[in-house]
Structure formats: C-alpha cells, structure tokens
Amino acid sequence: MEKQMDFPWVIRDVLNSRTPRMIKDKQPLCRHAAVLIPLFKVHDQYRVLFTKRTNRVEEHKGQISFPGGAVEGGDESFQDTALREAYEEIGLLRKDVAILGQTDDTLTLASNFVIHPFVGLIPHPYCFKVNDHEVKRLIEFPFDVFMVENPADKMGDVKYDGNVYRSVLFQYNGEVIWGATAKIMENLIEILGRKNAQNTRD
C-alpha cells in the first residue's frame, strides 16, 4: 500500500493549488501586517505555535497571536515581513522555516490591519529566543483542536478591555484563542477541508 502523504505536504499542495483571497484597502488608514502560522510535529501529533503578547505592546495587549507584525519599508514581500517578525519576536531563523503556502487575508476590526498569513513548517525541538518586551510566553495548541465541525460550537463571548466580543474562539488548557487569530485558523481548516485537516498523523 502506498504510504500516506505527510500532513505538511498536504497543506503545501492545497495552498499552492489556489490563489489566496486578498482584501483590498477600503480606506487610506488601512495598514498591512503578516504573520507566520508555525506548524511542528511532536511524536505523532502536529501542533501550532502561538505567542502570548505582553501588556507592553501597542496593539492586542495580552492576547494570543501568531508571530508577526506590521509591514516595514525594507520588507520585500508579505512573506518577508512574516519571517522577519518571527525572528524578531521568537528568534526563529528564516533558514529553519519551510513555507508551505499562504492563506486568505484577514481584517482586524479594532486595529484596522489587513493580515497576510503564511503557514510554515518548523523544527522541533527548537531553541527559541523570546523578545520579552513583546512576548510573555509561547503556547502550543494541537492542530486537531481547531477541527470543530459544528459552527455554533466555535462561537463564544470574550471579555477584553472592558468590552464583550462575540467571536470565533478555540480553547485548550485554559487558554483562549479568539478574534483575528481564531479567524485565521478557521480559514485554514476551511481551505484544507475536513478530510485533509483530519489527516494529522502519518
């Protein structure tokens, strides 16, 4: 029997067989940012790496997010932004990231960023060097946490900065991912489709 294709290469093939949906700037104040969705394998399980932001950053204080940030003048592409920010925030070297592809753009409503996400396969274990001004700690979620079949089970209320937000959310070990980060993961699962997304083991 032919060996089943490993999950990262399923992601690569699916993402590279389509054109990401791009969000056009609706107004001059719209800013662009890029993030890395770091995927790695522990034993027979694929996991996604996130950062818990400190309260010292300008945007999205204390939230769980991907390594990433705003596009800067010296960046050659959105992918270049994602890789630069991943190095600056968690010490992840460009040469250690195998980019699998790009997902659809996501808009943050509060901070007015258009986010361009890229999925990257990274080594495990890895000697991260965390920028403690921006990152409080690193958080890992098993990939299958995001494979929620019932749309209603993904919605919930989140209290943040004195307000209550109705959002897509995912929970694991007492941590809650919501807002743009949750929407990005939801989009990735939708792109892959349930059949491919469930193939998280060899």
C-alpha atoms as a PDB file:
ATOM      1  CA  MET A   1       0.000   0.000   0.000  1.00  0.00           C
ATOM      2  CA  GLU A   2       1.299   3.454  -0.890  1.00  0.00           C
ATOM      3  CA  LYS A   3       2.442   5.463   2.138  1.00  0.00           C
ATOM      4  CA  GLN A   4       0.044   8.218   3.115  1.00  0.00           C
ATOM      5  CA  MET A   5       1.288  11.711   2.277  1.00  0.00           C
ATOM      6  CA  ASP A   6       2.581  13.563   5.328  1.00  0.00           C
ATOM      7  CA  PHE A   7       0.306  16.314   6.576  1.00  0.00           C
ATOM      8  CA  PRO A   8       2.540  19.373   5.898  1.00  0.00           C
ATOM      9  CA  TRP A   9       2.819  18.400   2.236  1.00  0.00           C
ATOM     10  CA  VAL A  10      -0.959  18.036   2.050  1.00  0.00           C
ATOM     11  CA  ILE A  11      -1.151  21.627   3.306  1.00  0.00           C
ATOM     12  CA  ARG A  12       1.501  22.722   0.790  1.00  0.00           C
ATOM     13  CA  ASP A  13      -0.293  21.106  -2.144  1.00  0.00           C
ATOM     14  CA  VAL A  14      -3.702  22.512  -1.183  1.00  0.00           C
ATOM     15  CA  LEU A  15      -2.443  26.051  -0.555  1.00  0.00           C
ATOM     16  CA  ASN A  16      -0.391  26.145  -3.742  1.00  0.00           C
ATOM     17  CA  SER A  17      -3.300  24.927  -5.856  1.00  0.00           C
ATOM     18  CA  ARG A  18      -5.313  28.084  -5.166  1.00  0.00           C
ATOM     19  CA  THR A  19      -4.990  31.874  -5.149  1.00  0.00           C
ATOM     20  CA  PRO A  20      -5.410  33.454  -1.685  1.00  0.00           C
ATOM     21  CA  ARG A  21      -8.338  35.840  -1.310  1.00  0.00           C
ATOM     22  CA  MET A  22      -6.921  39.323  -0.882  1.00  0.00           C
ATOM     23  CA  ILE A  23      -8.598  42.208   0.927  1.00  0.00           C
ATOM     24  CA  LYS A  24      -8.393  45.454  -0.993  1.00  0.00           C
ATOM     25  CA  ASP A  25      -7.720  48.589   1.005  1.00  0.00           C
ATOM     26  CA  LYS A  26     -11.066  50.183   1.799  1.00  0.00           C
ATOM     27  CA  GLN A  27      -9.554  53.371   3.111  1.00  0.00           C
ATOM     28  CA  PRO A  28      -6.131  55.041   3.343  1.00  0.00           C
ATOM     29  CA  LEU A  29      -5.896  54.267   7.072  1.00  0.00           C
ATOM     30  CA  CYS A  30      -5.786  50.523   6.416  1.00  0.00           C
ATOM     31  CA  ARG A  31      -2.440  49.010   7.481  1.00  0.00           C
ATOM     32  CA  HIS A  32      -0.806  45.773   6.341  1.00  0.00           C
ATOM     33  CA  ALA A  33       0.719  43.073   8.510  1.00  0.00           C
ATOM     34  CA  ALA A  34       1.887  39.493   8.009  1.00  0.00           C
ATOM     35  CA  VAL A  35       2.017  36.540  10.368  1.00  0.00           C
ATOM     36  CA  LEU A  36       3.594  33.099  10.420  1.00  0.00           C
ATOM     37  CA  ILE A  37       1.494  30.052  11.350  1.00  0.00           C
ATOM     38  CA  PRO A  38       4.283  27.813  12.723  1.00  0.00           C
ATOM     39  CA  LEU A  39       3.491  24.106  12.414  1.00  0.00           C
ATOM     40  CA  PHE A  40       5.627  21.394  14.022  1.00  0.00           C
ATOM     41  CA  LYS A  41       5.417  17.731  14.952  1.00  0.00           C
ATOM     42  CA  VAL A  42       5.760  16.194  18.421  1.00  0.00           C
ATOM     43  CA  HIS A  43       5.824  12.395  18.218  1.00  0.00           C
ATOM     44  CA  ASP A  44       2.768  11.617  16.041  1.00  0.00           C
ATOM     45  CA  GLN A  45       0.908  14.900  16.617  1.00  0.00           C
ATOM     46  CA  TYR A  46       1.088  18.166  14.709  1.00  0.00           C
ATOM     47  CA  ARG A  47       0.897  21.343  16.759  1.00  0.00           C
ATOM     48  CA  VAL A  48       0.659  25.086  16.119  1.00  0.00           C
ATOM     49  CA  LEU A  49       2.855  27.600  17.936  1.00  0.00           C
ATOM     50  CA  PHE A  50       1.412  30.879  19.240  1.00  0.00           C
ATOM     51  CA  THR A  51       2.688  33.786  21.298  1.00  0.00           C
ATOM     52  CA  LYS A  52       1.060  35.292  24.368  1.00  0.00           C
ATOM     53  CA  ARG A  53       1.527  39.033  23.957  1.00  0.00           C
ATOM     54  CA  THR A  54       2.695  41.205  26.830  1.00  0.00           C
ATOM     55  CA  ASN A  55       0.872  44.294  28.063  1.00  0.00           C
ATOM     56  CA  ARG A  56       3.744  46.459  26.822  1.00  0.00           C
ATOM     57  CA  VAL A  57       2.929  46.133  23.127  1.00  0.00           C
ATOM     58  CA  GLU A  58       0.904  48.782  21.330  1.00  0.00           C
ATOM     59  CA  GLU A  59      -1.785  46.532  19.838  1.00  0.00           C
ATOM     60  CA  HIS A  60      -3.728  43.485  21.150  1.00  0.00           C
ATOM     61  CA  LYS A  61      -2.231  43.502  24.629  1.00  0.00           C
ATOM     62  CA  GLY A  62      -2.292  40.153  26.419  1.00  0.00           C
ATOM     63  CA  GLN A  63      -3.869  38.295  23.512  1.00  0.00           C
ATOM     64  CA  ILE A  64      -2.729  35.044  21.929  1.00  0.00           C
ATOM     65  CA  SER A  65      -1.429  35.640  18.424  1.00  0.00           C
ATOM     66  CA  PHE A  66       0.927  34.340  15.772  1.00  0.00           C
ATOM     67  CA  PRO A  67       4.470  35.649  15.409  1.00  0.00           C
ATOM     68  CA  GLY A  68       4.097  38.614  13.087  1.00  0.00           C
ATOM     69  CA  GLY A  69       3.614  42.323  12.760  1.00  0.00           C
ATOM     70  CA  ALA A  70       3.324  45.365  10.534  1.00  0.00           C
ATOM     71  CA  VAL A  71       4.965  45.650   7.140  1.00  0.00           C
ATOM     72  CA  GLU A  72       8.072  47.835   7.163  1.00  0.00           C
ATOM     73  CA  GLY A  73       9.738  49.732   4.363  1.00  0.00           C
ATOM     74  CA  GLY A  74      12.638  47.306   3.973  1.00  0.00           C
ATOM     75  CA  ASP A  75      10.423  44.232   3.592  1.00  0.00           C
ATOM     76  CA  GLU A  76      10.487  42.747   0.091  1.00  0.00           C
ATOM     77  CA  SER A  77       7.171  40.911   0.423  1.00  0.00           C
ATOM     78  CA  PHE A  78       4.485  39.971   2.937  1.00  0.00           C
ATOM     79  CA  GLN A  79       6.263  36.641   3.418  1.00  0.00           C
ATOM     80  CA  ASP A  80       9.444  38.573   4.177  1.00  0.00           C
ATOM     81  CA  THR A  81       7.534  40.518   6.844  1.00  0.00           C
ATOM     82  CA  ALA A  82       6.260  37.323   8.489  1.00  0.00           C
ATOM     83  CA  LEU A  83       9.742  35.782   8.606  1.00  0.00           C
ATOM     84  CA  ARG A  84      11.403  38.967   9.868  1.00  0.00           C
ATOM     85  CA  GLU A  85       8.853  39.361  12.646  1.00  0.00           C
ATOM     86  CA  ALA A  86       9.153  35.688  13.640  1.00  0.00           C
ATOM     87  CA  TYR A  87      12.892  36.177  14.065  1.00  0.00           C
ATOM     88  CA  GLU A  88      12.488  39.435  15.987  1.00  0.00           C
ATOM     89  CA  GLU A  89       9.796  38.075  18.331  1.00  0.00           C
ATOM     90  CA  ILE A  90      10.863  34.479  18.996  1.00  0.00           C
ATOM     91  CA  GLY A  91      14.317  34.073  17.423  1.00  0.00           C
ATOM     92  CA  LEU A  92      13.123  31.747  14.671  1.00  0.00           C
ATOM     93  CA  LEU A  93      15.687  31.805  11.860  1.00  0.00           C
ATOM     94  CA  ARG A  94      14.478  32.153   8.276  1.00  0.00           C
ATOM     95  CA  LYS A  95      16.505  29.145   7.164  1.00  0.00           C
ATOM     96  CA  ASP A  96      14.653  26.981   9.679  1.00  0.00           C
ATOM     97  CA  VAL A  97      11.198  27.737   8.226  1.00  0.00           C
ATOM     98  CA  ALA A  98       9.807  25.787   5.265  1.00  0.00           C
ATOM     99  CA  ILE A  99       6.982  27.961   3.914  1.00  0.00           C
ATOM    100  CA  LEU A 100       4.068  25.723   2.882  1.00  0.00           C
ATOM    101  CA  GLY A 101       1.848  28.453   1.447  1.00  0.00           C
ATOM    102  CA  GLN A 102      -0.371  31.459   2.075  1.00  0.00           C
ATOM    103  CA  THR A 103      -3.946  31.523   3.372  1.00  0.00           C
ATOM    104  CA  ASP A 104      -6.609  34.201   2.836  1.00  0.00           C
ATOM    105  CA  ASP A 105      -6.266  37.744   4.143  1.00  0.00           C
ATOM    106  CA  THR A 106      -7.978  38.591   7.427  1.00  0.00           C
ATOM    107  CA  LEU A 107      -9.078  42.025   8.634  1.00  0.00           C
ATOM    108  CA  THR A 108      -8.765  43.135  12.243  1.00  0.00           C
ATOM    109  CA  LEU A 109     -11.682  45.397  13.041  1.00  0.00           C
ATOM    110  CA  ALA A 110     -10.291  47.265  16.044  1.00  0.00           C
ATOM    111  CA  SER A 111      -6.732  47.956  14.860  1.00  0.00           C
ATOM    112  CA  ASN A 112      -7.628  48.109  11.142  1.00  0.00           C
ATOM    113  CA  PHE A 113      -4.892  45.752   9.903  1.00  0.00           C
ATOM    114  CA  VAL A 114      -5.101  43.573   6.812  1.00  0.00           C
ATOM    115  CA  ILE A 115      -3.238  40.423   7.874  1.00  0.00           C
ATOM    116  CA  HIS A 116      -1.469  38.199   5.343  1.00  0.00           C
ATOM    117  CA  PRO A 117      -0.882  34.726   6.920  1.00  0.00           C
ATOM    118  CA  PHE A 118       1.731  32.162   5.858  1.00  0.00           C
ATOM    119  CA  VAL A 119       1.966  28.558   7.049  1.00  0.00           C
ATOM    120  CA  GLY A 120       5.486  27.370   7.847  1.00  0.00           C
ATOM    121  CA  LEU A 121       6.883  24.035   8.988  1.00  0.00           C
ATOM    122  CA  ILE A 122       9.476  24.480  11.751  1.00  0.00           C
ATOM    123  CA  PRO A 123      11.830  22.085  13.578  1.00  0.00           C
ATOM    124  CA  HIS A 124      11.079  20.567  16.981  1.00  0.00           C
ATOM    125  CA  PRO A 125      12.588  20.910  19.487  1.00  0.00           C
ATOM    126  CA  TYR A 126      13.899  24.420  18.843  1.00  0.00           C
ATOM    127  CA  CYS A 127      15.939  26.906  20.857  1.00  0.00           C
ATOM    128  CA  PHE A 128      13.660  29.946  20.707  1.00  0.00           C
ATOM    129  CA  LYS A 129      14.909  33.354  21.837  1.00  0.00           C
ATOM    130  CA  VAL A 130      11.833  35.222  23.036  1.00  0.00           C
ATOM    131  CA  ASN A 131      11.675  39.030  22.887  1.00  0.00           C
ATOM    132  CA  ASP A 132      10.286  39.610  26.385  1.00  0.00           C
ATOM    133  CA  HIS A 133       9.098  43.115  25.525  1.00  0.00           C
ATOM    134  CA  GLU A 134       6.581  41.718  23.043  1.00  0.00           C
ATOM    135  CA  VAL A 135       6.109  38.083  24.050  1.00  0.00           C
ATOM    136  CA  LYS A 136       5.145  36.909  27.519  1.00  0.00           C
ATOM    137  CA  ARG A 137       5.416  33.200  26.660  1.00  0.00           C
ATOM    138  CA  LEU A 138       4.983  30.647  23.893  1.00  0.00           C
ATOM    139  CA  ILE A 139       1.843  28.494  23.694  1.00  0.00           C
ATOM    140  CA  GLU A 140       1.251  25.265  21.765  1.00  0.00           C
ATOM    141  CA  PHE A 141      -2.147  24.044  20.532  1.00  0.00           C
ATOM    142  CA  PRO A 142      -2.673  20.590  18.981  1.00  0.00           C
ATOM    143  CA  PHE A 143      -3.840  21.069  15.399  1.00  0.00           C
ATOM    144  CA  ASP A 144      -6.943  18.941  15.935  1.00  0.00           C
ATOM    145  CA  VAL A 145      -8.266  21.458  18.495  1.00  0.00           C
ATOM    146  CA  PHE A 146      -9.252  23.606  15.517  1.00  0.00           C
ATOM    147  CA  MET A 147     -11.246  20.896  13.744  1.00  0.00           C
ATOM    148  CA  VAL A 148     -14.629  21.819  15.213  1.00  0.00           C
ATOM    149  CA  GLU A 149     -17.423  20.510  12.987  1.00  0.00           C
ATOM    150  CA  ASN A 150     -20.416  22.423  14.370  1.00  0.00           C
ATOM    151  CA  PRO A 151     -20.112  26.188  13.616  1.00  0.00           C
ATOM    152  CA  ALA A 152     -22.120  27.028  16.743  1.00  0.00           C
ATOM    153  CA  ASP A 153     -19.503  25.290  18.909  1.00  0.00           C
ATOM    154  CA  LYS A 154     -16.847  27.746  17.684  1.00  0.00           C
ATOM    155  CA  MET A 155     -18.696  30.892  18.789  1.00  0.00           C
ATOM    156  CA  GLY A 156     -18.498  32.473  22.218  1.00  0.00           C
ATOM    157  CA  ASP A 157     -18.315  35.711  24.186  1.00  0.00           C
ATOM    158  CA  VAL A 158     -14.926  37.099  25.180  1.00  0.00           C
ATOM    159  CA  LYS A 159     -14.373  39.849  27.738  1.00  0.00           C
ATOM    160  CA  TYR A 160     -11.485  42.098  26.777  1.00  0.00           C
ATOM    161  CA  ASP A 161     -10.503  45.597  27.843  1.00  0.00           C
ATOM    162  CA  GLY A 162     -13.899  46.285  29.425  1.00  0.00           C
ATOM    163  CA  ASN A 163     -15.918  45.088  26.434  1.00  0.00           C
ATOM    164  CA  VAL A 164     -17.608  41.835  25.443  1.00  0.00           C
ATOM    165  CA  TYR A 165     -16.942  40.498  21.956  1.00  0.00           C
ATOM    166  CA  ARG A 166     -18.828  37.763  20.128  1.00  0.00           C
ATOM    167  CA  SER A 167     -16.147  35.806  18.300  1.00  0.00           C
ATOM    168  CA  VAL A 168     -14.960  32.549  16.833  1.00  0.00           C
ATOM    169  CA  LEU A 169     -12.862  31.008  19.593  1.00  0.00           C
ATOM    170  CA  PHE A 170     -10.823  27.908  20.378  1.00  0.00           C
ATOM    171  CA  GLN A 171      -9.855  26.726  23.868  1.00  0.00           C
ATOM    172  CA  TYR A 172      -7.121  24.420  25.149  1.00  0.00           C
ATOM    173  CA  ASN A 173      -5.528  24.022  28.590  1.00  0.00           C
ATOM    174  CA  GLY A 174      -7.246  27.155  29.894  1.00  0.00           C
ATOM    175  CA  GLU A 175      -6.039  29.347  27.011  1.00  0.00           C
ATOM    176  CA  VAL A 176      -8.467  31.034  24.601  1.00  0.00           C
ATOM    177  CA  ILE A 177      -7.723  31.999  21.019  1.00  0.00           C
ATOM    178  CA  TRP A 178     -10.209  34.465  19.538  1.00  0.00           C
ATOM    179  CA  GLY A 179     -10.505  37.406  17.175  1.00  0.00           C
ATOM    180  CA  ALA A 180      -8.318  37.564  14.053  1.00  0.00           C
ATOM    181  CA  THR A 181      -6.075  34.699  15.185  1.00  0.00           C
ATOM    182  CA  ALA A 182      -9.071  32.378  15.555  1.00  0.00           C
ATOM    183  CA  LYS A 183     -10.433  33.509  12.183  1.00  0.00           C
ATOM    184  CA  ILE A 184      -7.100  32.730  10.524  1.00  0.00           C
ATOM    185  CA  MET A 185      -7.096  29.183  11.906  1.00  0.00           C
ATOM    186  CA  GLU A 186     -10.745  28.715  10.967  1.00  0.00           C
ATOM    187  CA  ASN A 187      -9.921  29.851   7.431  1.00  0.00           C
ATOM    188  CA  LEU A 188      -7.012  27.393   7.179  1.00  0.00           C
ATOM    189  CA  ILE A 189      -9.277  24.489   8.188  1.00  0.00           C
ATOM    190  CA  GLU A 190     -11.907  25.602   5.663  1.00  0.00           C
ATOM    191  CA  ILE A 191      -9.297  25.770   2.891  1.00  0.00           C
ATOM    192  CA  LEU A 192      -7.956  22.314   3.688  1.00  0.00           C
ATOM    193  CA  GLY A 193     -11.399  20.790   4.030  1.00  0.00           C
ATOM    194  CA  ARG A 194     -12.337  18.368   6.781  1.00  0.00           C
ATOM    195  CA  LYS A 195     -10.903  15.304   5.039  1.00  0.00           C
ATOM    196  CA  ASN A 196      -7.435  16.781   4.652  1.00  0.00           C
ATOM    197  CA  ALA A 197      -7.471  18.570   8.013  1.00  0.00           C
ATOM    198  CA  GLN A 198      -8.173  15.317   9.852  1.00  0.00           C
ATOM    199  CA  ASN A 199      -5.051  13.731   8.368  1.00  0.00           C
ATOM    200  CA  THR A 200      -2.713  14.962  11.120  1.00  0.00           C
ATOM    201  CA  ARG A 201      -0.738  11.752  11.530  1.00  0.00           C
ATOM    202  CA  ASP A 202       1.372   9.590   9.271  1.00  0.00           C
END
